[in-house]
All heavy atoms as atom14 arrays in JSON, in Angstrom:
{
  "sequence": "SCAASGRDFTSYTLGWYRQAPGKQRELVASIFGSDNINY",
  "atom14_mask": [
    [1, 1, 1, 1, 1, 1, 0, 0, 0, 0, 0, 0, 0, 0],
    [1, 1, 1, 1, 1, 1, 0, 0, 0, 0, 0, 0, 0, 0],
    [1, 1, 1, 1, 1, 0, 0, 0, 0, 0, 0, 0, 0, 0],
    [1, 1, 1, 1, 1, 0, 0, 0, 0, 0, 0, 0, 0, 0],
    [1, 1, 1, 1, 1, 1, 0, 0, 0, 0, 0, 0, 0, 0],
    [1, 1, 1, 1, 0, 0, 0, 0, 0, 0, 0, 0, 0, 0],
    [1, 1, 1, 1, 1, 1, 1, 1, 1, 1, 1, 0, 0, 0],
    [1, 1, 1, 1, 1, 1, 1, 1, 0, 0, 0, 0, 0, 0],
    [1, 1, 1, 1, 1, 1, 1, 1, 1, 1, 1, 0, 0, 0],
    [1, 1, 1, 1, 1, 1, 1, 0, 0, 0, 0, 0, 0, 0],
    [1, 1, 1, 1, 1, 1, 0, 0, 0, 0, 0, 0, 0, 0],
    [1, 1, 1, 1, 1, 1, 1, 1, 1, 1, 1, 1, 0, 0],
    [1, 1, 1, 1, 1, 1, 1, 0, 0, 0, 0, 0, 0, 0],
    [1, 1, 1, 1, 1, 1, 1, 1, 0, 0, 0, 0, 0, 0],
    [1, 1, 1, 1, 0, 0, 0, 0, 0, 0, 0, 0, 0, 0],
    [1, 1, 1, 1, 1, 1, 1, 1, 1, 1, 1, 1, 1, 1],
    [1, 1, 1, 1, 1, 1, 1, 1, 1, 1, 1, 1, 0, 0],
    [1, 1, 1, 1, 1, 1, 1, 1, 1, 1, 1, 0, 0, 0],
    [1, 1, 1, 1, 1, 1, 1, 1, 1, 0, 0, 0, 0, 0],
    [1, 1, 1, 1, 1, 0, 0, 0, 0, 0, 0, 0, 0, 0],
    [1, 1, 1, 1, 1, 1, 1, 0, 0, 0, 0, 0, 0, 0],
    [1, 1, 1, 1, 0, 0, 0, 0, 0, 0, 0, 0, 0, 0],
    [1, 1, 1, 1, 1, 1, 1, 1, 1, 0, 0, 0, 0, 0],
    [1, 1, 1, 1, 1, 1, 1, 1, 1, 0, 0, 0, 0, 0],
    [1, 1, 1, 1, 1, 1, 1, 1, 1, 1, 1, 0, 0, 0],
    [1, 1, 1, 1, 1, 1, 1, 1, 1, 0, 0, 0, 0, 0],
    [1, 1, 1, 1, 1, 1, 1, 1, 0, 0, 0, 0, 0, 0],
    [1, 1, 1, 1, 1, 1, 1, 0, 0, 0, 0, 0, 0, 0],
    [1, 1, 1, 1, 1, 0, 0, 0, 0, 0, 0, 0, 0, 0],
    [1, 1, 1, 1, 1, 1, 0, 0, 0, 0, 0, 0, 0, 0],
    [1, 1, 1, 1, 1, 1, 1, 1, 0, 0, 0, 0, 0, 0],
    [1, 1, 1, 1, 1, 1, 1, 1, 1, 1, 1, 0, 0, 0],
    [1, 1, 1, 1, 0, 0, 0, 0, 0, 0, 0, 0, 0, 0],
    [1, 1, 1, 1, 1, 1, 0, 0, 0, 0, 0, 0, 0, 0],
    [1, 1, 1, 1, 1, 1, 1, 1, 0, 0, 0, 0, 0, 0],
    [1, 1, 1, 1, 1, 1, 1, 1, 0, 0, 0, 0, 0, 0],
    [1, 1, 1, 1, 1, 1, 1, 1, 0, 0, 0, 0, 0, 0],
    [1, 1, 1, 1, 1, 1, 1, 1, 0, 0, 0, 0, 0, 0],
    [1, 1, 1, 1, 1, 1, 1, 1, 1, 1, 1, 1, 0, 0]
  ],
  "atom14_positions": [
    [[0.85, -1.21, 0.0], [-0.01, -0.01, 0.01], [0.9, 1.24, -0.01], [1.97, 1.26, 0.58], [-0.89, 0.02, 1.24], [-1.78, -1.09, 1.23], [0.0, 0.0, 0.0], [0.0, 0.0, 0.0], [0.0, 0.0, 0.0], [0.0, 0.0, 0.0], [0.0, 0.0, 0.0], [0.0, 0.0, 0.0], [0.0, 0.0, 0.0], [0.0, 0.0, 0.0]],
    [[0.36, 2.3, -0.62], [1.11, 3.52, -0.62], [0.07, 4.64, -0.45], [-0.81, 4.85, -1.3], [1.84, 3.74, -1.94], [2.6, 5.4, -2.11], [0.0, 0.0, 0.0], [0.0, 0.0, 0.0], [0.0, 0.0, 0.0], [0.0, 0.0, 0.0], [0.0, 0.0, 0.0], [0.0, 0.0, 0.0], [0.0, 0.0, 0.0], [0.0, 0.0, 0.0]],
    [[0.19, 5.38, 0.6], [-0.72, 6.54, 0.88], [-0.01, 7.8, 0.53], [1.05, 8.08, 1.2], [-1.14, 6.47, 2.38], [0.0, 0.0, 0.0], [0.0, 0.0, 0.0], [0.0, 0.0, 0.0], [0.0, 0.0, 0.0], [0.0, 0.0, 0.0], [0.0, 0.0, 0.0], [0.0, 0.0, 0.0], [0.0, 0.0, 0.0], [0.0, 0.0, 0.0]],
    [[-0.53, 8.53, -0.37], [0.03, 9.82, -0.8], [-0.73, 10.93, -0.21], [-1.96, 10.96, -0.1], [-0.01, 9.9, -2.32], [0.0, 0.0, 0.0], [0.0, 0.0, 0.0], [0.0, 0.0, 0.0], [0.0, 0.0, 0.0], [0.0, 0.0, 0.0], [0.0, 0.0, 0.0], [0.0, 0.0, 0.0], [0.0, 0.0, 0.0], [0.0, 0.0, 0.0]],
    [[0.01, 11.94, 0.29], [-0.62, 13.09, 0.89], [0.11, 14.35, 0.53], [1.27, 14.31, 0.03], [-0.61, 12.95, 2.43], [0.72, 12.89, 2.96], [0.0, 0.0, 0.0], [0.0, 0.0, 0.0], [0.0, 0.0, 0.0], [0.0, 0.0, 0.0], [0.0, 0.0, 0.0], [0.0, 0.0, 0.0], [0.0, 0.0, 0.0], [0.0, 0.0, 0.0]],
    [[-0.49, 15.48, 0.73], [0.1, 16.81, 0.46], [-0.31, 17.38, -0.88], [0.07, 18.56, -1.14], [0.0, 0.0, 0.0], [0.0, 0.0, 0.0], [0.0, 0.0, 0.0], [0.0, 0.0, 0.0], [0.0, 0.0, 0.0], [0.0, 0.0, 0.0], [0.0, 0.0, 0.0], [0.0, 0.0, 0.0], [0.0, 0.0, 0.0], [0.0, 0.0, 0.0]],
    [[-0.97, 16.64, -1.7], [-1.51, 17.1, -3.0], [-2.78, 16.41, -3.28], [-3.1, 15.4, -2.72], [-0.46, 16.82, -4.12], [0.86, 17.54, -4.06], [0.72, 18.98, -4.44], [2.02, 19.61, -4.63], [2.76, 20.07, -3.6], [2.33, 20.01, -2.39], [3.96, 20.63, -3.88], [0.0, 0.0, 0.0], [0.0, 0.0, 0.0], [0.0, 0.0, 0.0]],
    [[-3.45, 16.96, -4.26], [-4.54, 16.22, -4.9], [-3.97, 15.38, -6.01], [-3.48, 15.95, -7.04], [-5.62, 17.16, -5.48], [-6.77, 16.53, -6.15], [-6.77, 15.25, -6.27], [-7.73, 17.2, -6.53], [0.0, 0.0, 0.0], [0.0, 0.0, 0.0], [0.0, 0.0, 0.0], [0.0, 0.0, 0.0], [0.0, 0.0, 0.0], [0.0, 0.0, 0.0]],
    [[-3.96, 14.07, -5.86], [-3.28, 13.19, -6.78], [-4.22, 12.64, -7.86], [-3.8, 11.72, -8.55], [-2.64, 12.05, -6.04], [-1.45, 12.53, -5.2], [-1.58, 12.83, -3.9], [-0.19, 12.65, -5.79], [-0.52, 13.24, -3.13], [0.89, 13.05, -5.03], [0.76, 13.36, -3.7], [0.0, 0.0, 0.0], [0.0, 0.0, 0.0], [0.0, 0.0, 0.0]],
    [[-5.37, 13.22, -8.0], [-6.28, 12.73, -8.99], [-5.66, 12.74, -10.41], [-5.91, 11.78, -11.17], [-7.54, 13.57, -9.02], [-8.13, 13.6, -7.7], [-8.56, 13.04, -10.01], [0.0, 0.0, 0.0], [0.0, 0.0, 0.0], [0.0, 0.0, 0.0], [0.0, 0.0, 0.0], [0.0, 0.0, 0.0], [0.0, 0.0, 0.0], [0.0, 0.0, 0.0]],
    [[-4.9, 13.75, -10.79], [-4.32, 13.84, -12.09], [-2.95, 13.2, -12.16], [-2.31, 13.3, -13.23], [-4.26, 15.28, -12.5], [-5.56, 15.84, -12.58], [0.0, 0.0, 0.0], [0.0, 0.0, 0.0], [0.0, 0.0, 0.0], [0.0, 0.0, 0.0], [0.0, 0.0, 0.0], [0.0, 0.0, 0.0], [0.0, 0.0, 0.0], [0.0, 0.0, 0.0]],
    [[-2.47, 12.56, -11.12], [-1.18, 11.93, -11.14], [-1.28, 10.48, -11.54], [-2.26, 9.82, -11.26], [-0.53, 11.95, -9.77], [0.06, 13.3, -9.32], [-0.74, 14.4, -9.09], [1.42, 13.42, -9.15], [-0.23, 15.63, -8.69], [1.93, 14.62, -8.76], [1.18, 15.71, -8.55], [1.71, 16.9, -8.1], [0.0, 0.0, 0.0], [0.0, 0.0, 0.0]],
    [[-0.26, 10.03, -12.27], [-0.07, 8.59, -12.43], [0.57, 8.05, -11.18], [1.62, 8.59, -10.75], [0.78, 8.34, -13.68], [0.13, 8.8, -14.84], [0.99, 6.8, -13.84], [0.0, 0.0, 0.0], [0.0, 0.0, 0.0], [0.0, 0.0, 0.0], [0.0, 0.0, 0.0], [0.0, 0.0, 0.0], [0.0, 0.0, 0.0], [0.0, 0.0, 0.0]],
    [[0.06, 7.05, -10.62], [0.67, 6.39, -9.46], [1.24, 5.06, -9.92], [0.67, 4.38, -10.78], [-0.35, 6.16, -8.33], [-1.08, 7.45, -7.81], [-2.04, 7.04, -6.68], [-0.06, 8.45, -7.32], [0.0, 0.0, 0.0], [0.0, 0.0, 0.0], [0.0, 0.0, 0.0], [0.0, 0.0, 0.0], [0.0, 0.0, 0.0], [0.0, 0.0, 0.0]],
    [[2.36, 4.72, -9.4], [3.0, 3.46, -9.78], [3.92, 2.88, -8.77], [4.24, 3.43, -7.71], [0.0, 0.0, 0.0], [0.0, 0.0, 0.0], [0.0, 0.0, 0.0], [0.0, 0.0, 0.0], [0.0, 0.0, 0.0], [0.0, 0.0, 0.0], [0.0, 0.0, 0.0], [0.0, 0.0, 0.0], [0.0, 0.0, 0.0], [0.0, 0.0, 0.0]],
    [[4.34, 1.68, -9.11], [5.27, 0.96, -8.31], [6.51, 0.6, -9.15], [6.36, 0.1, -10.25], [4.68, -0.35, -7.77], [3.57, -0.14, -6.79], [2.24, -0.08, -7.0], [3.76, 0.03, -5.36], [1.59, 0.18, -5.83], [2.51, 0.23, -4.79], [4.89, 0.09, -4.52], [2.31, 0.42, -3.4], [4.72, 0.22, -3.16], [3.45, 0.41, -2.63]],
    [[7.67, 0.87, -8.59], [8.93, 0.45, -9.14], [9.61, -0.48, -8.16], [9.27, -0.5, -7.0], [9.83, 1.68, -9.37], [9.34, 2.6, -10.49], [8.24, 3.44, -10.36], [10.06, 2.69, -11.68], [7.81, 4.27, -11.35], [9.66, 3.54, -12.72], [8.53, 4.33, -12.52], [8.18, 5.16, -13.53], [0.0, 0.0, 0.0], [0.0, 0.0, 0.0]],
    [[10.57, -1.19, -8.65], [11.35, -2.02, -7.8], [12.82, -2.0, -8.25], [13.13, -1.8, -9.44], [10.83, -3.45, -7.79], [11.01, -4.28, -9.08], [10.25, -5.59, -8.96], [10.43, -6.4, -10.17], [9.8, -7.51, -10.38], [8.93, -7.99, -9.5], [9.96, -8.18, -11.51], [0.0, 0.0, 0.0], [0.0, 0.0, 0.0], [0.0, 0.0, 0.0]],
    [[13.7, -2.31, -7.3], [15.1, -2.36, -7.59], [15.73, -3.49, -6.76], [15.68, -3.47, -5.53], [15.79, -1.01, -7.26], [17.23, -0.96, -7.7], [17.81, 0.46, -7.67], [17.35, 1.31, -6.96], [18.81, 0.63, -8.49], [0.0, 0.0, 0.0], [0.0, 0.0, 0.0], [0.0, 0.0, 0.0], [0.0, 0.0, 0.0], [0.0, 0.0, 0.0]],
    [[16.25, -4.45, -7.49], [16.95, -5.53, -6.83], [18.43, -5.23, -6.86], [18.93, -4.4, -7.59], [16.7, -6.84, -7.62], [0.0, 0.0, 0.0], [0.0, 0.0, 0.0], [0.0, 0.0, 0.0], [0.0, 0.0, 0.0], [0.0, 0.0, 0.0], [0.0, 0.0, 0.0], [0.0, 0.0, 0.0], [0.0, 0.0, 0.0], [0.0, 0.0, 0.0]],
    [[19.19, -5.83, -5.91], [20.62, -5.62, -5.84], [21.32, -5.83, -7.19], [21.09, -6.87, -7.82], [21.1, -6.68, -4.79], [19.89, -6.88, -3.98], [18.71, -6.83, -4.86], [0.0, 0.0, 0.0], [0.0, 0.0, 0.0], [0.0, 0.0, 0.0], [0.0, 0.0, 0.0], [0.0, 0.0, 0.0], [0.0, 0.0, 0.0], [0.0, 0.0, 0.0]],
    [[22.1, -4.89, -7.59], [22.84, -5.02, -8.81], [22.03, -4.73, -10.06], [22.55, -4.88, -11.19], [0.0, 0.0, 0.0], [0.0, 0.0, 0.0], [0.0, 0.0, 0.0], [0.0, 0.0, 0.0], [0.0, 0.0, 0.0], [0.0, 0.0, 0.0], [0.0, 0.0, 0.0], [0.0, 0.0, 0.0], [0.0, 0.0, 0.0], [0.0, 0.0, 0.0]],
    [[20.78, -4.38, -9.92], [19.93, -4.11, -11.1], [19.39, -2.71, -11.13], [19.36, -2.03, -10.13], [18.74, -5.14, -11.08], [19.15, -6.57, -11.33], [17.96, -7.4, -11.56], [18.36, -8.86, -11.88], [17.16, -9.74, -12.13], [0.0, 0.0, 0.0], [0.0, 0.0, 0.0], [0.0, 0.0, 0.0], [0.0, 0.0, 0.0], [0.0, 0.0, 0.0]],
    [[18.95, -2.32, -12.31], [18.34, -0.98, -12.47], [16.96, -1.01, -11.85], [16.3, -2.02, -11.8], [18.25, -0.64, -13.95], [19.57, -0.56, -14.7], [20.24, 0.78, -14.46], [19.56, 1.8, -14.32], [21.56, 0.82, -14.36], [0.0, 0.0, 0.0], [0.0, 0.0, 0.0], [0.0, 0.0, 0.0], [0.0, 0.0, 0.0], [0.0, 0.0, 0.0]],
    [[16.53, 0.18, -11.42], [15.15, 0.31, -10.98], [14.23, 0.21, -12.18], [14.48, 0.77, -13.23], [14.99, 1.68, -10.33], [13.58, 1.88, -9.67], [13.49, 3.16, -8.88], [14.4, 3.23, -7.76], [14.44, 4.17, -6.87], [13.52, 5.15, -6.91], [15.31, 4.17, -5.87], [0.0, 0.0, 0.0], [0.0, 0.0, 0.0], [0.0, 0.0, 0.0]],
    [[13.17, -0.56, -12.04], [12.25, -0.83, -13.11], [10.84, -0.56, -12.73], [10.44, -0.77, -11.56], [12.41, -2.26, -13.61], [12.04, -3.35, -12.59], [12.05, -4.76, -13.16], [12.14, -4.89, -14.39], [11.94, -5.67, -12.32], [0.0, 0.0, 0.0], [0.0, 0.0, 0.0], [0.0, 0.0, 0.0], [0.0, 0.0, 0.0], [0.0, 0.0, 0.0]],
    [[10.08, -0.2, -13.67], [8.66, -0.05, -13.48], [7.96, -1.38, -13.35], [8.13, -2.22, -14.25], [8.0, 0.78, -14.62], [6.48, 0.97, -14.59], [6.08, 1.83, -13.39], [6.01, 1.56, -15.89], [0.0, 0.0, 0.0], [0.0, 0.0, 0.0], [0.0, 0.0, 0.0], [0.0, 0.0, 0.0], [0.0, 0.0, 0.0], [0.0, 0.0, 0.0]],
    [[7.18, -1.53, -12.32], [6.4, -2.78, -12.17], [5.0, -2.58, -12.67], [4.48, -3.44, -13.41], [6.38, -3.2, -10.65], [5.5, -4.4, -10.44], [7.8, -3.38, -10.14], [0.0, 0.0, 0.0], [0.0, 0.0, 0.0], [0.0, 0.0, 0.0], [0.0, 0.0, 0.0], [0.0, 0.0, 0.0], [0.0, 0.0, 0.0], [0.0, 0.0, 0.0]],
    [[4.34, -1.53, -12.26], [2.96, -1.27, -12.67], [2.68, 0.18, -12.47], [3.21, 0.82, -11.57], [1.98, -2.15, -11.89], [0.0, 0.0, 0.0], [0.0, 0.0, 0.0], [0.0, 0.0, 0.0], [0.0, 0.0, 0.0], [0.0, 0.0, 0.0], [0.0, 0.0, 0.0], [0.0, 0.0, 0.0], [0.0, 0.0, 0.0], [0.0, 0.0, 0.0]],
    [[1.74, 0.73, -13.19], [1.31, 2.1, -13.05], [-0.18, 2.16, -13.35], [-0.75, 1.34, -14.08], [2.09, 3.02, -13.97], [1.81, 2.78, -15.34], [0.0, 0.0, 0.0], [0.0, 0.0, 0.0], [0.0, 0.0, 0.0], [0.0, 0.0, 0.0], [0.0, 0.0, 0.0], [0.0, 0.0, 0.0], [0.0, 0.0, 0.0], [0.0, 0.0, 0.0]],
    [[-0.75, 3.21, -12.79], [-2.18, 3.41, -12.99], [-2.5, 4.91, -13.08], [-2.0, 5.7, -12.28], [-3.05, 2.72, -11.87], [-4.56, 2.91, -12.1], [-2.63, 3.24, -10.49], [-5.38, 1.99, -11.25], [0.0, 0.0, 0.0], [0.0, 0.0, 0.0], [0.0, 0.0, 0.0], [0.0, 0.0, 0.0], [0.0, 0.0, 0.0], [0.0, 0.0, 0.0]],
    [[-3.28, 5.26, -14.03], [-3.79, 6.6, -14.23], [-5.25, 6.53, -14.2], [-5.87, 5.8, -15.0], [-3.28, 7.25, -15.49], [-3.78, 8.64, -15.67], [-3.25, 9.72, -15.01], [-4.8, 8.91, -16.6], [-3.72, 11.0, -15.22], [-5.29, 10.19, -16.77], [-4.75, 11.24, -16.06], [0.0, 0.0, 0.0], [0.0, 0.0, 0.0], [0.0, 0.0, 0.0]],
    [[-5.9, 7.32, -13.34], [-7.33, 7.17, -13.17], [-7.61, 5.84, -12.54], [-6.87, 5.38, -11.62], [0.0, 0.0, 0.0], [0.0, 0.0, 0.0], [0.0, 0.0, 0.0], [0.0, 0.0, 0.0], [0.0, 0.0, 0.0], [0.0, 0.0, 0.0], [0.0, 0.0, 0.0], [0.0, 0.0, 0.0], [0.0, 0.0, 0.0], [0.0, 0.0, 0.0]],
    [[-8.58, 5.15, -13.03], [-8.92, 3.83, -12.48], [-8.71, 2.7, -13.46], [-8.75, 1.51, -13.01], [-10.42, 3.81, -12.03], [-11.29, 4.11, -13.08], [0.0, 0.0, 0.0], [0.0, 0.0, 0.0], [0.0, 0.0, 0.0], [0.0, 0.0, 0.0], [0.0, 0.0, 0.0], [0.0, 0.0, 0.0], [0.0, 0.0, 0.0], [0.0, 0.0, 0.0]],
    [[-8.54, 2.96, -14.72], [-8.44, 1.91, -15.71], [-7.33, 2.02, -16.74], [-7.26, 1.19, -17.61], [-9.81, 1.73, -16.45], [-10.27, 3.03, -17.09], [-9.56, 4.02, -17.13], [-11.45, 3.01, -17.54], [0.0, 0.0, 0.0], [0.0, 0.0, 0.0], [0.0, 0.0, 0.0], [0.0, 0.0, 0.0], [0.0, 0.0, 0.0], [0.0, 0.0, 0.0]],
    [[-6.5, 3.02, -16.65], [-5.39, 3.15, -17.54], [-4.19, 2.51, -16.81], [-3.51, 3.21, -16.03], [-5.13, 4.62, -17.9], [-4.12, 4.74, -19.02], [-3.35, 3.82, -19.34], [-4.05, 5.96, -19.63], [0.0, 0.0, 0.0], [0.0, 0.0, 0.0], [0.0, 0.0, 0.0], [0.0, 0.0, 0.0], [0.0, 0.0, 0.0], [0.0, 0.0, 0.0]],
    [[-3.94, 1.31, -17.06], [-2.98, 0.5, -16.29], [-1.95, -0.15, -17.21], [-2.24, -0.62, -18.32], [-3.73, -0.62, -15.56], [-4.7, 0.01, -14.51], [-2.77, -1.59, -14.87], [-5.6, -0.97, -13.86], [0.0, 0.0, 0.0], [0.0, 0.0, 0.0], [0.0, 0.0, 0.0], [0.0, 0.0, 0.0], [0.0, 0.0, 0.0], [0.0, 0.0, 0.0]],
    [[-0.69, -0.12, -16.73], [0.37, -0.8, -17.45], [1.12, -1.69, -16.45], [1.29, -1.36, -15.28], [1.34, 0.19, -18.0], [0.78, 0.99, -19.22], [0.4, 0.35, -20.18], [0.7, 2.29, -19.06], [0.0, 0.0, 0.0], [0.0, 0.0, 0.0], [0.0, 0.0, 0.0], [0.0, 0.0, 0.0], [0.0, 0.0, 0.0], [0.0, 0.0, 0.0]],
    [[1.58, -2.85, -16.95], [2.35, -3.8, -16.17], [3.63, -4.16, -16.86], [3.65, -4.24, -18.11], [1.6, -5.07, -15.92], [0.39, -4.93, -15.03], [-0.86, -4.95, -15.61], [0.52, -4.87, -13.64], [-2.03, -4.82, -14.81], [-0.63, -4.78, -12.84], [-1.88, -4.75, -13.4], [-3.0, -4.64, -12.6], [0.0, 0.0, 0.0], [0.0, 0.0, 0.0]]
  ]
}
């Protein structure tokens, strides 16, 4: 879970990235609105 505060994030894309040891940070998933989703 990620709780965002301090702004109205309605117009923001929210996403998850991950970084394993020795690897680049990579996008895992993102969501804009409720149905614009990438994995």
